[in-house]
Amino acid sequence: MKITSVLIVDEIEPSLAFWVDRMGFTKTMDMPDDGRLGFVILENGGGELMMQTLSSVRKDEPKFAPDGIGAKGSALFIEVDDFADARRRLEGYPILMPERVTFYGMREIGVSEPGGHTVIFAAKA
């Protein structure tokens, strides 16, 4: 089984600086929509992330748009091998959850990526 998160955003381009330039993902596929990016697939190691614009979702399958039936908010929990490296890459982004160690043994930090989604990066403490 493979599970891939799809983040619905207003614009993809601002998020690429975060995911590609800062966090080391590679864009493996994109689809234009009205002269801008409408959809992308990003990969990093074994992880995959998709982003699709709200405009593109409304054209493709309107009931999956955040204002449609069954739409939910989302957050990502990403386990990394090198917590110090992830923390360094996050410098300058809004920290929503300061670094902490949880009762289940994870060191975590939470940020808001440019698309407005909450992302928690974690490593075993």
PDB file of N, CA and C in Angstrom:
ATOM      1  N   MET A   1       0.842  -1.175   0.000  1.00  0.00           N
ATOM      2  CA  MET A   1       0.000   0.000   0.000  1.00  0.00           C
ATOM      3  C   MET A   1       0.886   1.237   0.000  1.00  0.00           C
ATOM      4  N   LYS A   2       0.461   2.230  -0.719  1.00  0.00           N
ATOM      5  CA  LYS A   2       1.145   3.522  -0.753  1.00  0.00           C
ATOM      6  C   LYS A   2       0.101   4.590  -0.485  1.00  0.00           C
ATOM      7  N   ILE A   3       0.408   5.512   0.421  1.00  0.00           N
ATOM      8  CA  ILE A   3      -0.491   6.613   0.724  1.00  0.00           C
ATOM      9  C   ILE A   3       0.222   7.908   0.373  1.00  0.00           C
ATOM     10  N   THR A   4      -0.432   8.762  -0.395  1.00  0.00           N
ATOM     11  CA  THR A   4       0.144  10.045  -0.792  1.00  0.00           C
ATOM     12  C   THR A   4      -0.818  11.148  -0.397  1.00  0.00           C
ATOM     13  N   SER A   5      -0.300  12.166   0.273  1.00  0.00           N
ATOM     14  CA  SER A   5      -1.121  13.317   0.643  1.00  0.00           C
ATOM     15  C   SER A   5      -1.267  14.251  -0.545  1.00  0.00           C
ATOM     16  N   VAL A   6      -2.459  14.825  -0.693  1.00  0.00           N
ATOM     17  CA  VAL A   6      -2.722  15.844  -1.700  1.00  0.00           C
ATOM     18  C   VAL A   6      -3.122  17.106  -0.955  1.00  0.00           C
ATOM     19  N   LEU A   7      -2.334  18.152  -1.115  1.00  0.00           N
ATOM     20  CA  LEU A   7      -2.640  19.433  -0.487  1.00  0.00           C
ATOM     21  C   LEU A   7      -3.343  20.321  -1.502  1.00  0.00           C
ATOM     22  N   ILE A   8      -4.493  20.848  -1.130  1.00  0.00           N
ATOM     23  CA  ILE A   8      -5.212  21.775  -1.987  1.00  0.00           C
ATOM     24  C   ILE A   8      -4.792  23.183  -1.572  1.00  0.00           C
ATOM     25  N   VAL A   9      -4.285  23.939  -2.554  1.00  0.00           N
ATOM     26  CA  VAL A   9      -3.736  25.275  -2.294  1.00  0.00           C
ATOM     27  C   VAL A   9      -4.319  26.276  -3.285  1.00  0.00           C
ATOM     28  N   ASP A  10      -4.244  27.565  -2.942  1.00  0.00           N
ATOM     29  CA  ASP A  10      -4.676  28.595  -3.874  1.00  0.00           C
ATOM     30  C   ASP A  10      -3.715  28.684  -5.053  1.00  0.00           C
ATOM     31  N   GLU A  11      -2.406  28.631  -4.764  1.00  0.00           N
ATOM     32  CA  GLU A  11      -1.357  28.691  -5.780  1.00  0.00           C
ATOM     33  C   GLU A  11      -0.280  27.688  -5.417  1.00  0.00           C
ATOM     34  N   ILE A  12       0.273  27.016  -6.400  1.00  0.00           N
ATOM     35  CA  ILE A  12       1.330  26.043  -6.153  1.00  0.00           C
ATOM     36  C   ILE A  12       2.701  26.699  -6.082  1.00  0.00           C
ATOM     37  N   GLU A  13       2.938  27.676  -6.942  1.00  0.00           N
ATOM     38  CA  GLU A  13       4.280  28.252  -7.076  1.00  0.00           C
ATOM     39  C   GLU A  13       4.902  28.711  -5.748  1.00  0.00           C
ATOM     40  N   PRO A  14       4.175  29.424  -4.866  1.00  0.00           N
ATOM     41  CA  PRO A  14       4.798  29.834  -3.600  1.00  0.00           C
ATOM     42  C   PRO A  14       5.232  28.652  -2.722  1.00  0.00           C
ATOM     43  N   SER A  15       4.519  27.538  -2.822  1.00  0.00           N
ATOM     44  CA  SER A  15       4.851  26.371  -2.007  1.00  0.00           C
ATOM     45  C   SER A  15       6.089  25.630  -2.513  1.00  0.00           C
ATOM     46  N   LEU A  16       6.427  25.794  -3.789  1.00  0.00           N
ATOM     47  CA  LEU A  16       7.596  25.098  -4.328  1.00  0.00           C
ATOM     48  C   LEU A  16       8.887  25.550  -3.656  1.00  0.00           C
ATOM     49  N   ALA A  17       8.974  26.833  -3.318  1.00  0.00           N
ATOM     50  CA  ALA A  17      10.173  27.313  -2.624  1.00  0.00           C
ATOM     51  C   ALA A  17      10.364  26.565  -1.305  1.00  0.00           C
ATOM     52  N   PHE A  18       9.278  26.274  -0.622  1.00  0.00           N
ATOM     53  CA  PHE A  18       9.348  25.534   0.648  1.00  0.00           C
ATOM     54  C   PHE A  18       9.693  24.074   0.412  1.00  0.00           C
ATOM     55  N   TRP A  19       8.880  23.392  -0.399  1.00  0.00           N
ATOM     56  CA  TRP A  19       9.025  21.941  -0.555  1.00  0.00           C
ATOM     57  C   TRP A  19      10.264  21.550  -1.354  1.00  0.00           C
ATOM     58  N   VAL A  20      10.563  22.263  -2.427  1.00  0.00           N
ATOM     59  CA  VAL A  20      11.697  21.904  -3.297  1.00  0.00           C
ATOM     60  C   VAL A  20      12.984  22.541  -2.792  1.00  0.00           C
ATOM     61  N   ASP A  21      13.000  23.878  -2.687  1.00  0.00           N
ATOM     62  CA  ASP A  21      14.234  24.579  -2.329  1.00  0.00           C
ATOM     63  C   ASP A  21      14.673  24.325  -0.893  1.00  0.00           C
ATOM     64  N   ARG A  22      13.739  24.323   0.045  1.00  0.00           N
ATOM     65  CA  ARG A  22      14.092  24.154   1.458  1.00  0.00           C
ATOM     66  C   ARG A  22      14.138  22.700   1.912  1.00  0.00           C
ATOM     67  N   MET A  23      13.101  21.929   1.558  1.00  0.00           N
ATOM     68  CA  MET A  23      12.975  20.597   2.125  1.00  0.00           C
ATOM     69  C   MET A  23      13.511  19.489   1.224  1.00  0.00           C
ATOM     70  N   GLY A  24      14.013  19.842   0.049  1.00  0.00           N
ATOM     71  CA  GLY A  24      14.720  18.873  -0.784  1.00  0.00           C
ATOM     72  C   GLY A  24      13.875  17.948  -1.635  1.00  0.00           C
ATOM     73  N   PHE A  25      12.598  18.266  -1.829  1.00  0.00           N
ATOM     74  CA  PHE A  25      11.764  17.457  -2.709  1.00  0.00           C
ATOM     75  C   PHE A  25      12.117  17.771  -4.162  1.00  0.00           C
ATOM     76  N   THR A  26      11.803  16.852  -5.056  1.00  0.00           N
ATOM     77  CA  THR A  26      12.006  17.028  -6.490  1.00  0.00           C
ATOM     78  C   THR A  26      10.651  16.988  -7.178  1.00  0.00           C
ATOM     79  N   LYS A  27      10.413  17.929  -8.067  1.00  0.00           N
ATOM     80  CA  LYS A  27       9.163  17.935  -8.833  1.00  0.00           C
ATOM     81  C   LYS A  27       9.299  16.902  -9.941  1.00  0.00           C
ATOM     82  N   THR A  28       8.432  15.890  -9.928  1.00  0.00           N
ATOM     83  CA  THR A  28       8.517  14.815 -10.917  1.00  0.00           C
ATOM     84  C   THR A  28       7.442  14.909 -11.993  1.00  0.00           C
ATOM     85  N   MET A  29       6.396  15.691 -11.733  1.00  0.00           N
ATOM     86  CA  MET A  29       5.331  15.848 -12.722  1.00  0.00           C
ATOM     87  C   MET A  29       4.592  17.143 -12.423  1.00  0.00           C
ATOM     88  N   ASP A  30       4.164  17.810 -13.489  1.00  0.00           N
ATOM     89  CA  ASP A  30       3.291  18.968 -13.288  1.00  0.00           C
ATOM     90  C   ASP A  30       2.279  19.061 -14.410  1.00  0.00           C
ATOM     91  N   MET A  31       1.207  19.778 -14.128  1.00  0.00           N
ATOM     92  CA  MET A  31       0.135  19.964 -15.098  1.00  0.00           C
ATOM     93  C   MET A  31      -0.264  21.434 -15.052  1.00  0.00           C
ATOM     94  N   PRO A  32      -0.226  22.118 -16.198  1.00  0.00           N
ATOM     95  CA  PRO A  32      -0.641  23.518 -16.201  1.00  0.00           C
ATOM     96  C   PRO A  32      -2.161  23.665 -16.117  1.00  0.00           C
ATOM     97  N   ASP A  33      -2.574  24.838 -15.655  1.00  0.00           N
ATOM     98  CA  ASP A  33      -3.996  25.173 -15.591  1.00  0.00           C
ATOM     99  C   ASP A  33      -4.109  26.686 -15.713  1.00  0.00           C
ATOM    100  N   ASP A  34      -4.667  27.157 -16.789  1.00  0.00           N
ATOM    101  CA  ASP A  34      -4.841  28.594 -17.016  1.00  0.00           C
ATOM    102  C   ASP A  34      -3.530  29.381 -16.903  1.00  0.00           C
ATOM    103  N   GLY A  35      -2.454  28.848 -17.493  1.00  0.00           N
ATOM    104  CA  GLY A  35      -1.183  29.555 -17.521  1.00  0.00           C
ATOM    105  C   GLY A  35      -0.348  29.454 -16.262  1.00  0.00           C
ATOM    106  N   ARG A  36      -0.794  28.715 -15.285  1.00  0.00           N
ATOM    107  CA  ARG A  36      -0.054  28.504 -14.029  1.00  0.00           C
ATOM    108  C   ARG A  36      -0.032  27.015 -13.768  1.00  0.00           C
ATOM    109  N   LEU A  37       0.638  26.631 -12.700  1.00  0.00           N
ATOM    110  CA  LEU A  37       0.611  25.222 -12.310  1.00  0.00           C
ATOM    111  C   LEU A  37      -0.740  24.904 -11.684  1.00  0.00           C
ATOM    112  N   GLY A  38      -1.338  23.794 -12.102  1.00  0.00           N
ATOM    113  CA  GLY A  38      -2.600  23.352 -11.525  1.00  0.00           C
ATOM    114  C   GLY A  38      -2.437  22.129 -10.647  1.00  0.00           C
ATOM    115  N   PHE A  39      -1.340  21.395 -10.883  1.00  0.00           N
ATOM    116  CA  PHE A  39      -1.101  20.137 -10.157  1.00  0.00           C
ATOM    117  C   PHE A  39       0.379  19.808 -10.243  1.00  0.00           C
ATOM    118  N   VAL A  40       0.947  19.300  -9.156  1.00  0.00           N
ATOM    119  CA  VAL A  40       2.332  18.813  -9.167  1.00  0.00           C
ATOM    120  C   VAL A  40       2.454  17.564  -8.309  1.00  0.00           C
ATOM    121  N   ILE A  41       3.448  16.753  -8.644  1.00  0.00           N
ATOM    122  CA  ILE A  41       3.855  15.631  -7.796  1.00  0.00           C
ATOM    123  C   ILE A  41       5.287  15.910  -7.381  1.00  0.00           C
ATOM    124  N   LEU A  42       5.541  15.813  -6.084  1.00  0.00           N
ATOM    125  CA  LEU A  42       6.871  16.025  -5.514  1.00  0.00           C
ATOM    126  C   LEU A  42       7.303  14.749  -4.812  1.00  0.00           C
ATOM    127  N   GLU A  43       8.603  14.434  -4.894  1.00  0.00           N
ATOM    128  CA  GLU A  43       9.125  13.245  -4.229  1.00  0.00           C
ATOM    129  C   GLU A  43      10.403  13.583  -3.469  1.00  0.00           C
ATOM    130  N   ASN A  44      10.604  12.859  -2.375  1.00  0.00           N
ATOM    131  CA  ASN A  44      11.829  12.961  -1.592  1.00  0.00           C
ATOM    132  C   ASN A  44      12.052  11.598  -0.957  1.00  0.00           C
ATOM    133  N   GLY A  45      13.086  10.904  -1.404  1.00  0.00           N
ATOM    134  CA  GLY A  45      13.314   9.541  -0.920  1.00  0.00           C
ATOM    135  C   GLY A  45      12.103   8.699  -1.262  1.00  0.00           C
ATOM    136  N   GLY A  46      11.524   8.064  -0.276  1.00  0.00           N
ATOM    137  CA  GLY A  46      10.337   7.247  -0.506  1.00  0.00           C
ATOM    138  C   GLY A  46       9.043   8.001  -0.324  1.00  0.00           C
ATOM    139  N   GLY A  47       9.125   9.304  -0.020  1.00  0.00           N
ATOM    140  CA  GLY A  47       7.920  10.083   0.229  1.00  0.00           C
ATOM    141  C   GLY A  47       7.427  10.804  -1.006  1.00  0.00           C
ATOM    142  N   GLU A  48       6.120  10.907  -1.119  1.00  0.00           N
ATOM    143  CA  GLU A  48       5.510  11.596  -2.249  1.00  0.00           C
ATOM    144  C   GLU A  48       4.444  12.539  -1.724  1.00  0.00           C
ATOM    145  N   LEU A  49       4.366  13.715  -2.344  1.00  0.00           N
ATOM    146  CA  LEU A  49       3.391  14.726  -1.979  1.00  0.00           C
ATOM    147  C   LEU A  49       2.818  15.296  -3.270  1.00  0.00           C
ATOM    148  N   MET A  50       1.513  15.473  -3.312  1.00  0.00           N
ATOM    149  CA  MET A  50       0.870  16.102  -4.463  1.00  0.00           C
ATOM    150  C   MET A  50       0.244  17.401  -3.998  1.00  0.00           C
ATOM    151  N   MET A  51       0.235  18.383  -4.892  1.00  0.00           N
ATOM    152  CA  MET A  51      -0.475  19.632  -4.642  1.00  0.00           C
ATOM    153  C   MET A  51      -1.343  19.928  -5.856  1.00  0.00           C
ATOM    154  N   GLN A  52      -2.544  20.424  -5.590  1.00  0.00           N
ATOM    155  CA  GLN A  52      -3.464  20.786  -6.652  1.00  0.00           C
ATOM    156  C   GLN A  52      -4.133  22.090  -6.259  1.00  0.00           C
ATOM    157  N   THR A  53      -4.293  22.992  -7.226  1.00  0.00           N
ATOM    158  CA  THR A  53      -4.941  24.257  -6.908  1.00  0.00           C
ATOM    159  C   THR A  53      -6.440  24.056  -6.721  1.00  0.00           C
ATOM    160  N   LEU A  54      -7.013  24.920  -5.919  1.00  0.00           N
ATOM    161  CA  LEU A  54      -8.458  24.890  -5.692  1.00  0.00           C
ATOM    162  C   LEU A  54      -9.195  25.037  -7.019  1.00  0.00           C
ATOM    163  N   SER A  55      -8.713  25.920  -7.878  1.00  0.00           N
ATOM    164  CA  SER A  55      -9.321  26.107  -9.198  1.00  0.00           C
ATOM    165  C   SER A  55      -9.321  24.811  -9.999  1.00  0.00           C
ATOM    166  N   SER A  56      -8.220  24.099  -9.970  1.00  0.00           N
ATOM    167  CA  SER A  56      -8.096  22.835 -10.695  1.00  0.00           C
ATOM    168  C   SER A  56      -9.015  21.762 -10.112  1.00  0.00           C
ATOM    169  N   VAL A  57      -9.101  21.709  -8.791  1.00  0.00           N
ATOM    170  CA  VAL A  57      -9.984  20.737  -8.137  1.00  0.00           C
ATOM    171  C   VAL A  57     -11.430  21.013  -8.524  1.00  0.00           C
ATOM    172  N   ARG A  58     -11.814  22.289  -8.515  1.00  0.00           N
ATOM    173  CA  ARG A  58     -13.196  22.635  -8.868  1.00  0.00           C
ATOM    174  C   ARG A  58     -13.539  22.211 -10.290  1.00  0.00           C
ATOM    175  N   LYS A  59     -12.564  22.277 -11.202  1.00  0.00           N
ATOM    176  CA  LYS A  59     -12.789  21.840 -12.585  1.00  0.00           C
ATOM    177  C   LYS A  59     -12.806  20.326 -12.689  1.00  0.00           C
ATOM    178  N   ASP A  60     -11.919  19.682 -11.931  1.00  0.00           N
ATOM    179  CA  ASP A  60     -11.745  18.231 -12.023  1.00  0.00           C
ATOM    180  C   ASP A  60     -12.861  17.478 -11.305  1.00  0.00           C
ATOM    181  N   GLU A  61     -13.080  17.807 -10.035  1.00  0.00           N
ATOM    182  CA  GLU A  61     -14.084  17.102  -9.224  1.00  0.00           C
ATOM    183  C   GLU A  61     -14.572  18.055  -8.140  1.00  0.00           C
ATOM    184  N   PRO A  62     -15.569  18.900  -8.452  1.00  0.00           N
ATOM    185  CA  PRO A  62     -16.005  19.958  -7.538  1.00  0.00           C
ATOM    186  C   PRO A  62     -16.371  19.497  -6.128  1.00  0.00           C
ATOM    187  N   LYS A  63     -16.873  18.275  -5.981  1.00  0.00           N
ATOM    188  CA  LYS A  63     -17.264  17.838  -4.631  1.00  0.00           C
ATOM    189  C   LYS A  63     -16.065  17.639  -3.709  1.00  0.00           C
ATOM    190  N   PHE A  64     -14.835  17.584  -4.266  1.00  0.00           N
ATOM    191  CA  PHE A  64     -13.646  17.449  -3.440  1.00  0.00           C
ATOM    192  C   PHE A  64     -13.026  18.794  -3.073  1.00  0.00           C
ATOM    193  N   ALA A  65     -13.567  19.883  -3.586  1.00  0.00           N
ATOM    194  CA  ALA A  65     -13.071  21.214  -3.238  1.00  0.00           C
ATOM    195  C   ALA A  65     -13.392  21.494  -1.778  1.00  0.00           C
ATOM    196  N   PRO A  66     -12.529  22.264  -1.078  1.00  0.00           N
ATOM    197  CA  PRO A  66     -12.762  22.515   0.352  1.00  0.00           C
ATOM    198  C   PRO A  66     -14.135  23.058   0.701  1.00  0.00           C
ATOM    199  N   ASP A  67     -14.817  23.698  -0.237  1.00  0.00           N
ATOM    200  CA  ASP A  67     -16.165  24.173   0.056  1.00  0.00           C
ATOM    201  C   ASP A  67     -17.230  23.186  -0.416  1.00  0.00           C
ATOM    202  N   GLY A  68     -16.784  21.991  -0.821  1.00  0.00           N
ATOM    203  CA  GLY A  68     -17.707  20.969  -1.299  1.00  0.00           C
ATOM    204  C   GLY A  68     -18.068  19.973  -0.212  1.00  0.00           C
ATOM    205  N   ILE A  69     -18.905  19.019  -0.544  1.00  0.00           N
ATOM    206  CA  ILE A  69     -19.347  17.989   0.391  1.00  0.00           C
ATOM    207  C   ILE A  69     -18.163  17.092   0.747  1.00  0.00           C
ATOM    208  N   GLY A  70     -17.997  16.814   2.005  1.00  0.00           N
ATOM    209  CA  GLY A  70     -16.970  15.875   2.439  1.00  0.00           C
ATOM    210  C   GLY A  70     -15.578  16.456   2.540  1.00  0.00           C
ATOM    211  N   ALA A  71     -15.393  17.739   2.258  1.00  0.00           N
ATOM    212  CA  ALA A  71     -14.061  18.335   2.324  1.00  0.00           C
ATOM    213  C   ALA A  71     -13.629  18.498   3.777  1.00  0.00           C
ATOM    214  N   LYS A  72     -12.371  18.236   4.029  1.00  0.00           N
ATOM    215  CA  LYS A  72     -11.804  18.342   5.368  1.00  0.00           C
ATOM    216  C   LYS A  72     -10.494  19.114   5.295  1.00  0.00           C
ATOM    217  N   GLY A  73     -10.074  19.693   6.411  1.00  0.00           N
ATOM    218  CA  GLY A  73      -8.756  20.303   6.499  1.00  0.00           C
ATOM    219  C   GLY A  73      -7.718  19.203   6.619  1.00  0.00           C
ATOM    220  N   SER A  74      -6.443  19.579   6.485  1.00  0.00           N
ATOM    221  CA  SER A  74      -5.419  18.555   6.582  1.00  0.00           C
ATOM    222  C   SER A  74      -4.164  19.097   7.231  1.00  0.00           C
ATOM    223  N   ALA A  75      -3.379  18.194   7.769  1.00  0.00           N
ATOM    224  CA  ALA A  75      -2.053  18.485   8.294  1.00  0.00           C
ATOM    225  C   ALA A  75      -1.181  17.298   7.917  1.00  0.00           C
ATOM    226  N   LEU A  76       0.106  17.549   7.789  1.00  0.00           N
ATOM    227  CA  LEU A  76       1.039  16.480   7.446  1.00  0.00           C
ATOM    228  C   LEU A  76       1.949  16.191   8.623  1.00  0.00           C
ATOM    229  N   PHE A  77       2.231  14.931   8.844  1.00  0.00           N
ATOM    230  CA  PHE A  77       3.204  14.475   9.835  1.00  0.00           C
ATOM    231  C   PHE A  77       4.280  13.758   9.036  1.00  0.00           C
ATOM    232  N   ILE A  78       5.494  14.317   9.023  1.00  0.00           N
ATOM    233  CA  ILE A  78       6.576  13.783   8.208  1.00  0.00           C
ATOM    234  C   ILE A  78       7.719  13.356   9.121  1.00  0.00           C
ATOM    235  N   GLU A  79       8.025  12.072   9.114  1.00  0.00           N
ATOM    236  CA  GLU A  79       9.140  11.566   9.907  1.00  0.00           C
ATOM    237  C   GLU A  79      10.416  11.676   9.083  1.00  0.00           C
ATOM    238  N   VAL A  80      11.436  12.292   9.669  1.00  0.00           N
ATOM    239  CA  VAL A  80      12.710  12.518   8.984  1.00  0.00           C
ATOM    240  C   VAL A  80      13.827  11.778   9.718  1.00  0.00           C
ATOM    241  N   ASP A  81      14.915  11.491   8.992  1.00  0.00           N
ATOM    242  CA  ASP A  81      16.082  10.841   9.604  1.00  0.00           C
ATOM    243  C   ASP A  81      16.947  11.836  10.361  1.00  0.00           C
ATOM    244  N   ASP A  82      17.046  13.072   9.855  1.00  0.00           N
ATOM    245  CA  ASP A  82      17.948  14.078  10.424  1.00  0.00           C
ATOM    246  C   ASP A  82      17.128  15.283  10.873  1.00  0.00           C
ATOM    247  N   PHE A  83      16.758  15.298  12.148  1.00  0.00           N
ATOM    248  CA  PHE A  83      15.911  16.372  12.681  1.00  0.00           C
ATOM    249  C   PHE A  83      16.620  17.716  12.611  1.00  0.00           C
ATOM    250  N   ALA A  84      17.916  17.748  12.922  1.00  0.00           N
ATOM    251  CA  ALA A  84      18.673  19.010  12.898  1.00  0.00           C
ATOM    252  C   ALA A  84      18.665  19.614  11.493  1.00  0.00           C
ATOM    253  N   ASP A  85      18.780  18.783  10.480  1.00  0.00           N
ATOM    254  CA  ASP A  85      18.742  19.273   9.107  1.00  0.00           C
ATOM    255  C   ASP A  85      17.366  19.841   8.774  1.00  0.00           C
ATOM    256  N   ALA A  86      16.301  19.139   9.154  1.00  0.00           N
ATOM    257  CA  ALA A  86      14.946  19.634   8.892  1.00  0.00           C
ATOM    258  C   ALA A  86      14.732  20.970   9.598  1.00  0.00           C
ATOM    259  N   ARG A  87      15.157  21.061  10.853  1.00  0.00           N
ATOM    260  CA  ARG A  87      15.001  22.307  11.622  1.00  0.00           C
ATOM    261  C   ARG A  87      15.742  23.453  10.939  1.00  0.00           C
ATOM    262  N   ARG A  88      16.953  23.192  10.463  1.00  0.00           N
ATOM    263  CA  ARG A  88      17.743  24.216   9.776  1.00  0.00           C
ATOM    264  C   ARG A  88      17.018  24.697   8.517  1.00  0.00           C
ATOM    265  N   ARG A  89      16.438  23.781   7.789  1.00  0.00           N
ATOM    266  CA  ARG A  89      15.731  24.122   6.557  1.00  0.00           C
ATOM    267  C   ARG A  89      14.468  24.950   6.814  1.00  0.00           C
ATOM    268  N   LEU A  90      13.947  24.908   8.025  1.00  0.00           N
ATOM    269  CA  LEU A  90      12.718  25.623   8.366  1.00  0.00           C
ATOM    270  C   LEU A  90      12.954  27.065   8.816  1.00  0.00           C
ATOM    271  N   GLU A  91      14.196  27.473   8.964  1.00  0.00           N
ATOM    272  CA  GLU A  91      14.483  28.822   9.436  1.00  0.00           C
ATOM    273  C   GLU A  91      13.775  29.851   8.563  1.00  0.00           C
ATOM    274  N   GLY A  92      13.061  30.775   9.228  1.00  0.00           N
ATOM    275  CA  GLY A  92      12.347  31.830   8.519  1.00  0.00           C
ATOM    276  C   GLY A  92      10.885  31.532   8.243  1.00  0.00           C
ATOM    277  N   TYR A  93      10.458  30.292   8.442  1.00  0.00           N
ATOM    278  CA  TYR A  93       9.046  29.954   8.249  1.00  0.00           C
ATOM    279  C   TYR A  93       8.321  30.049   9.585  1.00  0.00           C
ATOM    280  N   PRO A  94       7.016  30.385   9.561  1.00  0.00           N
ATOM    281  CA  PRO A  94       6.273  30.520  10.818  1.00  0.00           C
ATOM    282  C   PRO A  94       6.207  29.197  11.589  1.00  0.00           C
ATOM    283  N   ILE A  95       6.727  29.207  12.803  1.00  0.00           N
ATOM    284  CA  ILE A  95       6.694  28.030  13.666  1.00  0.00           C
ATOM    285  C   ILE A  95       5.363  28.053  14.416  1.00  0.00           C
ATOM    286  N   LEU A  96       4.553  27.030  14.187  1.00  0.00           N
ATOM    287  CA  LEU A  96       3.262  26.922  14.878  1.00  0.00           C
ATOM    288  C   LEU A  96       3.395  26.161  16.183  1.00  0.00           C
ATOM    289  N   MET A  97       4.334  25.214  16.200  1.00  0.00           N
ATOM    290  CA  MET A  97       4.551  24.387  17.384  1.00  0.00           C
ATOM    291  C   MET A  97       6.055  24.336  17.647  1.00  0.00           C
ATOM    292  N   PRO A  98       6.508  24.956  18.728  1.00  0.00           N
ATOM    293  CA  PRO A  98       7.937  24.918  19.033  1.00  0.00           C
ATOM    294  C   PRO A  98       8.420  23.477  19.209  1.00  0.00           C
ATOM    295  N   GLU A  99       9.717  23.301  19.025  1.00  0.00           N
ATOM    296  CA  GLU A  99      10.303  21.964  19.181  1.00  0.00           C
ATOM    297  C   GLU A  99       9.925  21.380  20.533  1.00  0.00           C
ATOM    298  N   ARG A 100       9.594  20.078  20.510  1.00  0.00           N
ATOM    299  CA  ARG A 100       9.220  19.380  21.741  1.00  0.00           C
ATOM    300  C   ARG A 100       9.537  17.902  21.582  1.00  0.00           C
ATOM    301  N   VAL A 101       9.567  17.208  22.714  1.00  0.00           N
ATOM    302  CA  VAL A 101       9.686  15.745  22.708  1.00  0.00           C
ATOM    303  C   VAL A 101       8.386  15.215  23.287  1.00  0.00           C
ATOM    304  N   THR A 102       7.749  14.302  22.573  1.00  0.00           N
ATOM    305  CA  THR A 102       6.433  13.793  22.966  1.00  0.00           C
ATOM    306  C   THR A 102       6.539  12.580  23.883  1.00  0.00           C
ATOM    307  N   PHE A 103       5.417  12.216  24.490  1.00  0.00           N
ATOM    308  CA  PHE A 103       5.358  11.032  25.349  1.00  0.00           C
ATOM    309  C   PHE A 103       5.598   9.758  24.551  1.00  0.00           C
ATOM    310  N   TYR A 104       5.384   9.800  23.224  1.00  0.00           N
ATOM    311  CA  TYR A 104       5.611   8.622  22.388  1.00  0.00           C
ATOM    312  C   TYR A 104       7.006   8.606  21.770  1.00  0.00           C
ATOM    313  N   GLY A 105       7.891   9.495  22.279  1.00  0.00           N
ATOM    314  CA  GLY A 105       9.302   9.410  21.934  1.00  0.00           C
ATOM    315  C   GLY A 105       9.739  10.080  20.640  1.00  0.00           C
ATOM    316  N   MET A 106       8.991  11.077  20.208  1.00  0.00           N
ATOM    317  CA  MET A 106       9.356  11.786  18.983  1.00  0.00           C
ATOM    318  C   MET A 106       9.741  13.226  19.285  1.00  0.00           C
ATOM    319  N   ARG A 107      10.785  13.698  18.643  1.00  0.00           N
ATOM    320  CA  ARG A 107      11.145  15.121  18.668  1.00  0.00           C
ATOM    321  C   ARG A 107      10.403  15.741  17.486  1.00  0.00           C
ATOM    322  N   GLU A 108       9.632  16.815  17.741  1.00  0.00           N
ATOM    323  CA  GLU A 108       8.767  17.382  16.708  1.00  0.00           C
ATOM    324  C   GLU A 108       8.895  18.895  16.658  1.00  0.00           C
ATOM    325  N   ILE A 109       8.591  19.430  15.479  1.00  0.00           N
ATOM    326  CA  ILE A 109       8.444  20.871  15.304  1.00  0.00           C
ATOM    327  C   ILE A 109       7.367  21.056  14.236  1.00  0.00           C
ATOM    328  N   GLY A 110       6.498  22.057  14.425  1.00  0.00           N
ATOM    329  CA  GLY A 110       5.395  22.267  13.489  1.00  0.00           C
ATOM    330  C   GLY A 110       5.460  23.640  12.845  1.00  0.00           C
ATOM    331  N   VAL A 111       5.205  23.694  11.533  1.00  0.00           N
ATOM    332  CA  VAL A 111       5.257  24.943  10.783  1.00  0.00           C
ATOM    333  C   VAL A 111       4.021  25.086   9.905  1.00  0.00           C
ATOM    334  N   SER A 112       3.869  26.269   9.346  1.00  0.00           N
ATOM    335  CA  SER A 112       2.852  26.522   8.339  1.00  0.00           C
ATOM    336  C   SER A 112       3.568  26.701   7.015  1.00  0.00           C
ATOM    337  N   GLU A 113       3.270  25.834   6.043  1.00  0.00           N
ATOM    338  CA  GLU A 113       3.908  25.987   4.729  1.00  0.00           C
ATOM    339  C   GLU A 113       3.146  27.051   3.944  1.00  0.00           C
ATOM    340  N   PRO A 114       3.729  27.588   2.841  1.00  0.00           N
ATOM    341  CA  PRO A 114       3.113  28.719   2.153  1.00  0.00           C
ATOM    342  C   PRO A 114       1.694  28.493   1.653  1.00  0.00           C
ATOM    343  N   GLY A 115       1.272  27.254   1.456  1.00  0.00           N
ATOM    344  CA  GLY A 115      -0.100  26.988   1.040  1.00  0.00           C
ATOM    345  C   GLY A 115      -1.097  27.042   2.182  1.00  0.00           C
ATOM    346  N   GLY A 116      -0.593  27.233   3.418  1.00  0.00           N
ATOM    347  CA  GLY A 116      -1.461  27.365   4.581  1.00  0.00           C
ATOM    348  C   GLY A 116      -1.677  26.080   5.361  1.00  0.00           C
ATOM    349  N   HIS A 117      -0.978  25.011   4.994  1.00  0.00           N
ATOM    350  CA  HIS A 117      -1.144  23.732   5.672  1.00  0.00           C
ATOM    351  C   HIS A 117      -0.168  23.590   6.831  1.00  0.00           C
ATOM    352  N   THR A 118      -0.595  22.924   7.875  1.00  0.00           N
ATOM    353  CA  THR A 118       0.258  22.618   9.012  1.00  0.00           C
ATOM    354  C   THR A 118       1.100  21.394   8.676  1.00  0.00           C
ATOM    355  N   VAL A 119       2.403  21.507   8.933  1.00  0.00           N
ATOM    356  CA  VAL A 119       3.323  20.410   8.682  1.00  0.00           C
ATOM    357  C   VAL A 119       4.143  20.181   9.940  1.00  0.00           C
ATOM    358  N   ILE A 120       4.128  18.949  10.423  1.00  0.00           N
ATOM    359  CA  ILE A 120       4.935  18.573  11.590  1.00  0.00           C
ATOM    360  C   ILE A 120       6.053  17.666  11.105  1.00  0.00           C
ATOM    361  N   PHE A 121       7.286  18.076  11.384  1.00  0.00           N
ATOM    362  CA  PHE A 121       8.453  17.242  11.084  1.00  0.00           C
ATOM    363  C   PHE A 121       8.877  16.600  12.387  1.00  0.00           C
ATOM    364  N   ALA A 122       9.213  15.310  12.334  1.00  0.00           N
ATOM    365  CA  ALA A 122       9.509  14.551  13.545  1.00  0.00           C
ATOM    366  C   ALA A 122      10.607  13.534  13.299  1.00  0.00           C
ATOM    367  N   ALA A 123      11.319  13.219  14.374  1.00  0.00           N
ATOM    368  CA  ALA A 123      12.326  12.171  14.358  1.00  0.00           C
ATOM    369  C   ALA A 123      12.311  11.484  15.720  1.00  0.00           C
ATOM    370  N   LYS A 124      12.725  10.244  15.753  1.00  0.00           N
ATOM    371  CA  LYS A 124      12.801   9.560  17.040  1.00  0.00           C
ATOM    372  C   LYS A 124      13.764  10.296  17.948  1.00  0.00           C
ATOM    373  N   ALA A 125      13.329  10.541  19.201  1.00  0.00           N
ATOM    374  CA  ALA A 125      14.150  11.288  20.156  1.00  0.00           C
ATOM    375  C   ALA A 125      15.270  10.434  20.692  1.00  0.00           C
TER     376      ALA A 125
END
